[in-house]
């Protein structure tokens, strides 16, 4: 719970099909199925009251030993409606279905493909959002990666620097990249924008190694190497 007795629900959408890394949500990585890494983290986060898995893969989850009632009843599995299944359906439609059917004051959304996100970082994120929301200075939060490097358009035109006047990359103005690691929002902010990012979001920088997102096959190998260190008891550096 955050901000007193208000309820915080985590949304963890999970589909059976994966276009670029076959069945990645359920593939074994560093000792357990990929989805278990972030699910274990969410369930270990004290501020989170419930984790909702919206899925078209209930049978695959069961084959991997997960069913409603696991994790001391902290997990709810919801069958995804046929009309919001598929690779080209907006994630906001999936989230809207969960919000309509699972009442909560706050929602935290993340992905199975962010297995390195830690309980500590989620706690900092919740604290930052809770403080700002209480002061009415923010209605949502999304995670970003700071980029300070030389950018060009596909045509080769410089975007944020002058090639004739080189300055150190660390002195360039930063660009903040939405990294899709995590989103926090209220029921009201989602109703207003029909989106997980509201009108007054906080941009929250996540540690670089915790921000690894498994999208391509190369990402899988990177995440696996890091997760093996985590499984061995190592703590990842924040920078």
C-alpha atoms as a PDB file:
ATOM      1  CA  UNK A   1       0.000   0.000   0.000  1.00  0.00           C
ATOM      2  CA  UNK A   2       1.109   3.582  -0.621  1.00  0.00           C
ATOM      3  CA  UNK A   3      -0.188   6.876   0.693  1.00  0.00           C
ATOM      4  CA  UNK A   4      -1.992   5.439   3.686  1.00  0.00           C
ATOM      5  CA  UNK A   5      -4.514   2.682   3.087  1.00  0.00           C
ATOM      6  CA  UNK A   6      -4.689   3.031  -0.679  1.00  0.00           C
ATOM      7  CA  UNK A   7      -4.201  -0.124  -2.742  1.00  0.00           C
ATOM      8  CA  UNK A   8      -1.380  -0.787  -5.230  1.00  0.00           C
ATOM      9  CA  UNK A   9      -1.830  -3.473  -7.886  1.00  0.00           C
ATOM     10  CA  UNK A  10       0.948  -4.651 -10.190  1.00  0.00           C
ATOM     11  CA  UNK A  11      -0.013  -5.485 -13.777  1.00  0.00           C
ATOM     12  CA  UNK A  12       2.155  -8.095 -15.512  1.00  0.00           C
ATOM     13  CA  UNK A  13       0.751  -8.814 -19.000  1.00  0.00           C
ATOM     14  CA  UNK A  14       2.048 -12.042 -20.485  1.00  0.00           C
ATOM     15  CA  UNK A  15       1.293 -13.623 -23.866  1.00  0.00           C
ATOM     16  CA  UNK A  16       2.134 -17.059 -25.232  1.00  0.00           C
ATOM     17  CA  UNK A  17       3.527 -15.918 -28.577  1.00  0.00           C
ATOM     18  CA  UNK A  18       6.765 -14.006 -29.047  1.00  0.00           C
ATOM     19  CA  UNK A  19       7.806 -12.744 -32.467  1.00  0.00           C
ATOM     20  CA  UNK A  20      11.581 -12.404 -32.139  1.00  0.00           C
ATOM     21  CA  UNK A  21      12.622 -14.711 -29.281  1.00  0.00           C
ATOM     22  CA  UNK A  22      10.492 -17.866 -29.412  1.00  0.00           C
ATOM     23  CA  UNK A  23       8.366 -18.462 -26.296  1.00  0.00           C
ATOM     24  CA  UNK A  24      10.709 -16.182 -24.342  1.00  0.00           C
ATOM     25  CA  UNK A  25       8.349 -15.571 -21.425  1.00  0.00           C
ATOM     26  CA  UNK A  26       8.547 -19.239 -20.450  1.00  0.00           C
ATOM     27  CA  UNK A  27      12.073 -20.199 -21.509  1.00  0.00           C
ATOM     28  CA  UNK A  28      14.500 -21.213 -18.788  1.00  0.00           C
ATOM     29  CA  UNK A  29      17.102 -18.573 -17.992  1.00  0.00           C
ATOM     30  CA  UNK A  30      19.618 -18.750 -15.141  1.00  0.00           C
ATOM     31  CA  UNK A  31      17.708 -21.515 -13.389  1.00  0.00           C
ATOM     32  CA  UNK A  32      14.026 -20.624 -13.804  1.00  0.00           C
ATOM     33  CA  UNK A  33      11.486 -19.537 -16.445  1.00  0.00           C
ATOM     34  CA  UNK A  34      11.924 -15.925 -17.501  1.00  0.00           C
ATOM     35  CA  UNK A  35       8.553 -14.796 -16.125  1.00  0.00           C
ATOM     36  CA  UNK A  36       9.456 -16.035 -12.646  1.00  0.00           C
ATOM     37  CA  UNK A  37      12.250 -13.463 -12.243  1.00  0.00           C
ATOM     38  CA  UNK A  38      10.068 -10.358 -12.316  1.00  0.00           C
ATOM     39  CA  UNK A  39       7.109 -12.160 -10.711  1.00  0.00           C
ATOM     40  CA  UNK A  40       9.266 -13.123  -7.717  1.00  0.00           C
ATOM     41  CA  UNK A  41      10.445  -9.516  -7.467  1.00  0.00           C
ATOM     42  CA  UNK A  42       6.930  -8.068  -7.564  1.00  0.00           C
ATOM     43  CA  UNK A  43       5.659 -10.523  -4.972  1.00  0.00           C
ATOM     44  CA  UNK A  44       8.595  -9.691  -2.698  1.00  0.00           C
ATOM     45  CA  UNK A  45       7.777  -5.960  -2.858  1.00  0.00           C
ATOM     46  CA  UNK A  46       5.867  -5.176   0.332  1.00  0.00           C
ATOM     47  CA  UNK A  47       4.074  -2.127  -1.087  1.00  0.00           C
ATOM     48  CA  UNK A  48       2.380  -4.251  -3.773  1.00  0.00           C
ATOM     49  CA  UNK A  49      -0.925  -5.780  -2.658  1.00  0.00           C
ATOM     50  CA  UNK A  50      -1.703  -7.913  -5.728  1.00  0.00           C
ATOM     51  CA  UNK A  51      -0.031  -9.009  -8.983  1.00  0.00           C
ATOM     52  CA  UNK A  52      -2.382  -9.467 -11.953  1.00  0.00           C
ATOM     53  CA  UNK A  53      -1.236 -11.578 -14.923  1.00  0.00           C
ATOM     54  CA  UNK A  54      -3.386 -10.886 -17.990  1.00  0.00           C
ATOM     55  CA  UNK A  55      -2.599 -13.771 -20.339  1.00  0.00           C
ATOM     56  CA  UNK A  56      -3.593 -16.087 -23.167  1.00  0.00           C
ATOM     57  CA  UNK A  57      -1.236 -18.717 -21.735  1.00  0.00           C
ATOM     58  CA  UNK A  58      -2.898 -20.032 -18.567  1.00  0.00           C
ATOM     59  CA  UNK A  59      -2.067 -23.623 -19.543  1.00  0.00           C
ATOM     60  CA  UNK A  60       1.601 -22.791 -20.142  1.00  0.00           C
ATOM     61  CA  UNK A  61       1.774 -21.063 -16.773  1.00  0.00           C
ATOM     62  CA  UNK A  62       0.234 -24.133 -15.138  1.00  0.00           C
ATOM     63  CA  UNK A  63       2.776 -26.352 -16.898  1.00  0.00           C
ATOM     64  CA  UNK A  64       5.439 -24.153 -15.305  1.00  0.00           C
ATOM     65  CA  UNK A  65       3.879 -24.660 -11.891  1.00  0.00           C
ATOM     66  CA  UNK A  66       1.999 -21.352 -11.556  1.00  0.00           C
ATOM     67  CA  UNK A  67      -1.676 -21.078 -10.764  1.00  0.00           C
ATOM     68  CA  UNK A  68      -4.004 -18.622  -9.057  1.00  0.00           C
ATOM     69  CA  UNK A  69      -3.472 -18.783  -5.317  1.00  0.00           C
ATOM     70  CA  UNK A  70       0.311 -19.150  -5.497  1.00  0.00           C
ATOM     71  CA  UNK A  71       2.535 -16.683  -3.665  1.00  0.00           C
ATOM     72  CA  UNK A  72       0.177 -16.695  -0.666  1.00  0.00           C
ATOM     73  CA  UNK A  73      -2.712 -15.531  -2.816  1.00  0.00           C
ATOM     74  CA  UNK A  74      -0.849 -12.459  -4.063  1.00  0.00           C
ATOM     75  CA  UNK A  75      -1.185 -13.511  -7.737  1.00  0.00           C
ATOM     76  CA  UNK A  76      -4.333 -13.292  -9.873  1.00  0.00           C
ATOM     77  CA  UNK A  77      -4.387 -14.858 -13.361  1.00  0.00           C
ATOM     78  CA  UNK A  78      -6.855 -13.311 -15.821  1.00  0.00           C
ATOM     79  CA  UNK A  79      -7.634 -14.852 -19.201  1.00  0.00           C
ATOM     80  CA  UNK A  80      -7.058 -12.326 -21.975  1.00  0.00           C
ATOM     81  CA  UNK A  81     -10.117 -11.597 -24.083  1.00  0.00           C
ATOM     82  CA  UNK A  82      -9.792 -12.729 -27.745  1.00  0.00           C
ATOM     83  CA  UNK A  83     -10.382  -9.201 -29.028  1.00  0.00           C
ATOM     84  CA  UNK A  84      -7.255  -7.902 -27.246  1.00  0.00           C
ATOM     85  CA  UNK A  85      -4.958 -10.778 -28.195  1.00  0.00           C
ATOM     86  CA  UNK A  86      -2.255 -10.478 -30.844  1.00  0.00           C
ATOM     87  CA  UNK A  87       1.039  -8.749 -31.565  1.00  0.00           C
ATOM     88  CA  UNK A  88      -0.495  -5.490 -32.800  1.00  0.00           C
ATOM     89  CA  UNK A  89      -2.926  -4.751 -29.976  1.00  0.00           C
ATOM     90  CA  UNK A  90      -2.122  -1.613 -27.981  1.00  0.00           C
ATOM     91  CA  UNK A  91      -0.901  -2.409 -24.478  1.00  0.00           C
ATOM     92  CA  UNK A  92      -3.173   0.373 -23.200  1.00  0.00           C
ATOM     93  CA  UNK A  93      -6.194  -1.749 -24.219  1.00  0.00           C
ATOM     94  CA  UNK A  94      -4.899  -4.692 -22.185  1.00  0.00           C
ATOM     95  CA  UNK A  95      -4.286  -2.432 -19.197  1.00  0.00           C
ATOM     96  CA  UNK A  96      -7.739  -0.871 -19.538  1.00  0.00           C
ATOM     97  CA  UNK A  97      -9.316  -4.322 -19.311  1.00  0.00           C
ATOM     98  CA  UNK A  98      -7.434  -5.072 -16.087  1.00  0.00           C
ATOM     99  CA  UNK A  99      -8.255  -1.691 -14.564  1.00  0.00           C
ATOM    100  CA  UNK A 100     -11.931  -2.122 -15.383  1.00  0.00           C
ATOM    101  CA  UNK A 101     -12.033  -5.523 -13.688  1.00  0.00           C
ATOM    102  CA  UNK A 102      -9.540  -5.179 -10.819  1.00  0.00           C
ATOM    103  CA  UNK A 103     -10.266  -2.072  -8.702  1.00  0.00           C
ATOM    104  CA  UNK A 104      -7.239  -0.357  -7.189  1.00  0.00           C
ATOM    105  CA  UNK A 105      -6.065   3.154  -6.345  1.00  0.00           C
ATOM    106  CA  UNK A 106      -2.642   2.768  -7.979  1.00  0.00           C
ATOM    107  CA  UNK A 107      -1.227   0.501 -10.663  1.00  0.00           C
ATOM    108  CA  UNK A 108       2.359  -0.499 -11.387  1.00  0.00           C
ATOM    109  CA  UNK A 109       2.958  -2.051 -14.802  1.00  0.00           C
ATOM    110  CA  UNK A 110       6.053  -3.918 -15.943  1.00  0.00           C
ATOM    111  CA  UNK A 111       7.052  -6.772 -18.267  1.00  0.00           C
ATOM    112  CA  UNK A 112       8.427 -10.286 -17.974  1.00  0.00           C
ATOM    113  CA  UNK A 113      11.229  -9.088 -20.249  1.00  0.00           C
ATOM    114  CA  UNK A 114      12.670  -6.865 -17.496  1.00  0.00           C
ATOM    115  CA  UNK A 115      13.987  -9.636 -15.232  1.00  0.00           C
ATOM    116  CA  UNK A 116      16.739  -7.580 -13.578  1.00  0.00           C
ATOM    117  CA  UNK A 117      14.525  -4.932 -12.006  1.00  0.00           C
ATOM    118  CA  UNK A 118      15.094  -5.106  -8.235  1.00  0.00           C
ATOM    119  CA  UNK A 119      12.861  -4.785  -5.188  1.00  0.00           C
ATOM    120  CA  UNK A 120      15.023  -1.863  -4.024  1.00  0.00           C
ATOM    121  CA  UNK A 121      14.541   0.082  -7.264  1.00  0.00           C
ATOM    122  CA  UNK A 122      10.801  -0.559  -7.280  1.00  0.00           C
ATOM    123  CA  UNK A 123      10.680   0.717  -3.692  1.00  0.00           C
ATOM    124  CA  UNK A 124      12.476   3.940  -4.656  1.00  0.00           C
ATOM    125  CA  UNK A 125      10.130   4.383  -7.593  1.00  0.00           C
ATOM    126  CA  UNK A 126       7.045   3.955  -5.422  1.00  0.00           C
ATOM    127  CA  UNK A 127       8.413   6.364  -2.802  1.00  0.00           C
ATOM    128  CA  UNK A 128       9.172   9.038  -5.416  1.00  0.00           C
ATOM    129  CA  UNK A 129       5.749   8.741  -6.996  1.00  0.00           C
ATOM    130  CA  UNK A 130       3.933   8.582  -3.674  1.00  0.00           C
ATOM    131  CA  UNK A 131       5.595  11.782  -2.442  1.00  0.00           C
ATOM    132  CA  UNK A 132       4.897  13.694  -5.653  1.00  0.00           C
ATOM    133  CA  UNK A 133       1.338  12.425  -6.001  1.00  0.00           C
ATOM    134  CA  UNK A 134       0.576  13.441  -2.420  1.00  0.00           C
ATOM    135  CA  UNK A 135       1.762  16.979  -3.237  1.00  0.00           C
ATOM    136  CA  UNK A 136      -0.269  16.912  -6.480  1.00  0.00           C
ATOM    137  CA  UNK A 137       2.827  17.532  -8.578  1.00  0.00           C
ATOM    138  CA  UNK A 138       2.568  14.269 -10.535  1.00  0.00           C
ATOM    139  CA  UNK A 139      -0.132  11.836 -11.632  1.00  0.00           C
ATOM    140  CA  UNK A 140       2.077   9.099 -13.083  1.00  0.00           C
ATOM    141  CA  UNK A 141       5.651   7.863 -13.448  1.00  0.00           C
ATOM    142  CA  UNK A 142       7.590   6.118 -16.178  1.00  0.00           C
ATOM    143  CA  UNK A 143      11.160   4.889 -16.279  1.00  0.00           C
ATOM    144  CA  UNK A 144      13.871   6.257 -18.517  1.00  0.00           C
ATOM    145  CA  UNK A 145      17.498   5.800 -19.475  1.00  0.00           C
ATOM    146  CA  UNK A 146      19.640   8.913 -19.725  1.00  0.00           C
ATOM    147  CA  UNK A 147      21.475   9.172 -23.054  1.00  0.00           C
ATOM    148  CA  UNK A 148      24.356  11.583 -23.572  1.00  0.00           C
ATOM    149  CA  UNK A 149      25.840  10.802 -26.938  1.00  0.00           C
ATOM    150  CA  UNK A 150      25.878  12.243 -30.442  1.00  0.00           C
ATOM    151  CA  UNK A 151      22.605  11.666 -32.270  1.00  0.00           C
ATOM    152  CA  UNK A 152      21.924  11.940 -36.003  1.00  0.00           C
ATOM    153  CA  UNK A 153      18.854  11.632 -38.209  1.00  0.00           C
ATOM    154  CA  UNK A 154      18.770   8.651 -40.625  1.00  0.00           C
ATOM    155  CA  UNK A 155      19.893  11.107 -43.303  1.00  0.00           C
ATOM    156  CA  UNK A 156      23.039  11.969 -41.326  1.00  0.00           C
ATOM    157  CA  UNK A 157      22.033  15.376 -39.976  1.00  0.00           C
ATOM    158  CA  UNK A 158      23.306  16.069 -36.435  1.00  0.00           C
ATOM    159  CA  UNK A 159      20.542  16.447 -33.841  1.00  0.00           C
ATOM    160  CA  UNK A 160      22.094  17.542 -30.572  1.00  0.00           C
ATOM    161  CA  UNK A 161      25.630  18.631 -31.436  1.00  0.00           C
ATOM    162  CA  UNK A 162      27.838  20.448 -33.923  1.00  0.00           C
ATOM    163  CA  UNK A 163      30.323  18.081 -35.633  1.00  0.00           C
ATOM    164  CA  UNK A 164      32.601  21.083 -36.268  1.00  0.00           C
ATOM    165  CA  UNK A 165      32.719  21.973 -32.598  1.00  0.00           C
ATOM    166  CA  UNK A 166      33.227  18.738 -30.680  1.00  0.00           C
ATOM    167  CA  UNK A 167      32.554  18.789 -26.973  1.00  0.00           C
ATOM    168  CA  UNK A 168      32.760  15.901 -24.526  1.00  0.00           C
ATOM    169  CA  UNK A 169      29.746  13.601 -24.715  1.00  0.00           C
ATOM    170  CA  UNK A 170      29.209  13.962 -20.964  1.00  0.00           C
ATOM    171  CA  UNK A 171      28.727  17.698 -21.535  1.00  0.00           C
ATOM    172  CA  UNK A 172      26.020  17.236 -24.182  1.00  0.00           C
ATOM    173  CA  UNK A 173      22.411  17.931 -23.142  1.00  0.00           C
ATOM    174  CA  UNK A 174      20.860  14.628 -22.044  1.00  0.00           C
ATOM    175  CA  UNK A 175      18.055  12.898 -23.878  1.00  0.00           C
ATOM    176  CA  UNK A 176      15.720  10.765 -21.762  1.00  0.00           C
ATOM    177  CA  UNK A 177      14.746   7.486 -23.430  1.00  0.00           C
ATOM    178  CA  UNK A 178      11.546   5.758 -22.316  1.00  0.00           C
ATOM    179  CA  UNK A 179      12.881   2.295 -21.530  1.00  0.00           C
ATOM    180  CA  UNK A 180       9.563   0.504 -20.818  1.00  0.00           C
ATOM    181  CA  UNK A 181      10.903  -1.007 -17.595  1.00  0.00           C
ATOM    182  CA  UNK A 182       8.096   0.229 -15.351  1.00  0.00           C
ATOM    183  CA  UNK A 183       5.080   2.552 -15.171  1.00  0.00           C
ATOM    184  CA  UNK A 184       3.151   3.850 -12.166  1.00  0.00           C
ATOM    185  CA  UNK A 185      -0.185   5.593 -12.455  1.00  0.00           C
ATOM    186  CA  UNK A 186      -3.462   6.184 -10.685  1.00  0.00           C
ATOM    187  CA  UNK A 187      -6.855   4.904 -11.688  1.00  0.00           C
ATOM    188  CA  UNK A 188      -7.904   8.504 -12.310  1.00  0.00           C
ATOM    189  CA  UNK A 189      -4.909   9.402 -14.479  1.00  0.00           C
ATOM    190  CA  UNK A 190      -5.508   6.374 -16.721  1.00  0.00           C
ATOM    191  CA  UNK A 191      -9.180   7.272 -17.053  1.00  0.00           C
ATOM    192  CA  UNK A 192      -8.203  10.785 -18.122  1.00  0.00           C
ATOM    193  CA  UNK A 193      -5.656   9.877 -20.816  1.00  0.00           C
ATOM    194  CA  UNK A 194      -6.569   6.246 -21.635  1.00  0.00           C
ATOM    195  CA  UNK A 195      -2.857   5.585 -21.277  1.00  0.00           C
ATOM    196  CA  UNK A 196      -0.313   4.471 -18.693  1.00  0.00           C
ATOM    197  CA  UNK A 197       1.444   7.861 -18.882  1.00  0.00           C
ATOM    198  CA  UNK A 198      -0.665  10.680 -17.489  1.00  0.00           C
ATOM    199  CA  UNK A 199      -0.593  14.443 -17.971  1.00  0.00           C
ATOM    200  CA  UNK A 200       2.071  15.146 -15.325  1.00  0.00           C
ATOM    201  CA  UNK A 201       4.521  12.241 -15.252  1.00  0.00           C
ATOM    202  CA  UNK A 202       7.751  11.809 -13.313  1.00  0.00           C
ATOM    203  CA  UNK A 203      10.687  10.600 -15.390  1.00  0.00           C
ATOM    204  CA  UNK A 204      12.501   8.086 -13.185  1.00  0.00           C
ATOM    205  CA  UNK A 205      16.009   6.944 -14.152  1.00  0.00           C
ATOM    206  CA  UNK A 206      16.556   3.225 -13.590  1.00  0.00           C
ATOM    207  CA  UNK A 207      20.034   1.703 -13.094  1.00  0.00           C
ATOM    208  CA  UNK A 208      21.532   0.767 -16.456  1.00  0.00           C
ATOM    209  CA  UNK A 209      21.981  -2.952 -15.740  1.00  0.00           C
ATOM    210  CA  UNK A 210      18.483  -3.274 -14.263  1.00  0.00           C
ATOM    211  CA  UNK A 211      17.093  -1.709 -17.435  1.00  0.00           C
ATOM    212  CA  UNK A 212      18.084  -4.569 -19.739  1.00  0.00           C
ATOM    213  CA  UNK A 213      15.008  -5.453 -21.806  1.00  0.00           C
ATOM    214  CA  UNK A 214      14.837  -8.772 -23.655  1.00  0.00           C
ATOM    215  CA  UNK A 215      13.586  -7.849 -27.095  1.00  0.00           C
ATOM    216  CA  UNK A 216      16.127  -9.424 -29.438  1.00  0.00           C
ATOM    217  CA  UNK A 217      18.181 -12.629 -29.215  1.00  0.00           C
ATOM    218  CA  UNK A 218      21.264 -10.609 -28.291  1.00  0.00           C
ATOM    219  CA  UNK A 219      19.364  -9.157 -25.311  1.00  0.00           C
ATOM    220  CA  UNK A 220      18.707 -12.696 -24.078  1.00  0.00           C
ATOM    221  CA  UNK A 221      22.410 -13.491 -23.876  1.00  0.00           C
ATOM    222  CA  UNK A 222      23.138 -10.231 -22.076  1.00  0.00           C
ATOM    223  CA  UNK A 223      20.338 -10.777 -19.549  1.00  0.00           C
ATOM    224  CA  UNK A 224      21.336 -14.400 -18.985  1.00  0.00           C
ATOM    225  CA  UNK A 225      24.906 -13.422 -18.151  1.00  0.00           C
ATOM    226  CA  UNK A 226      23.700 -10.867 -15.604  1.00  0.00           C
ATOM    227  CA  UNK A 227      21.045 -13.141 -14.106  1.00  0.00           C
ATOM    228  CA  UNK A 228      23.588 -15.875 -13.529  1.00  0.00           C
ATOM    229  CA  UNK A 229      25.512 -13.385 -11.386  1.00  0.00           C
ATOM    230  CA  UNK A 230      22.327 -12.484  -9.503  1.00  0.00           C
ATOM    231  CA  UNK A 231      21.505 -16.177  -9.012  1.00  0.00           C
ATOM    232  CA  UNK A 232      24.995 -16.643  -7.570  1.00  0.00           C
ATOM    233  CA  UNK A 233      24.277 -13.951  -4.989  1.00  0.00           C
ATOM    234  CA  UNK A 234      26.073 -11.004  -6.566  1.00  0.00           C
ATOM    235  CA  UNK A 235      24.646  -7.491  -6.330  1.00  0.00           C
ATOM    236  CA  UNK A 236      24.617  -5.553  -9.572  1.00  0.00           C
ATOM    237  CA  UNK A 237      26.259  -2.115  -9.467  1.00  0.00           C
ATOM    238  CA  UNK A 238      23.900   0.792  -9.999  1.00  0.00           C
ATOM    239  CA  UNK A 239      26.195   2.452 -12.519  1.00  0.00           C
END
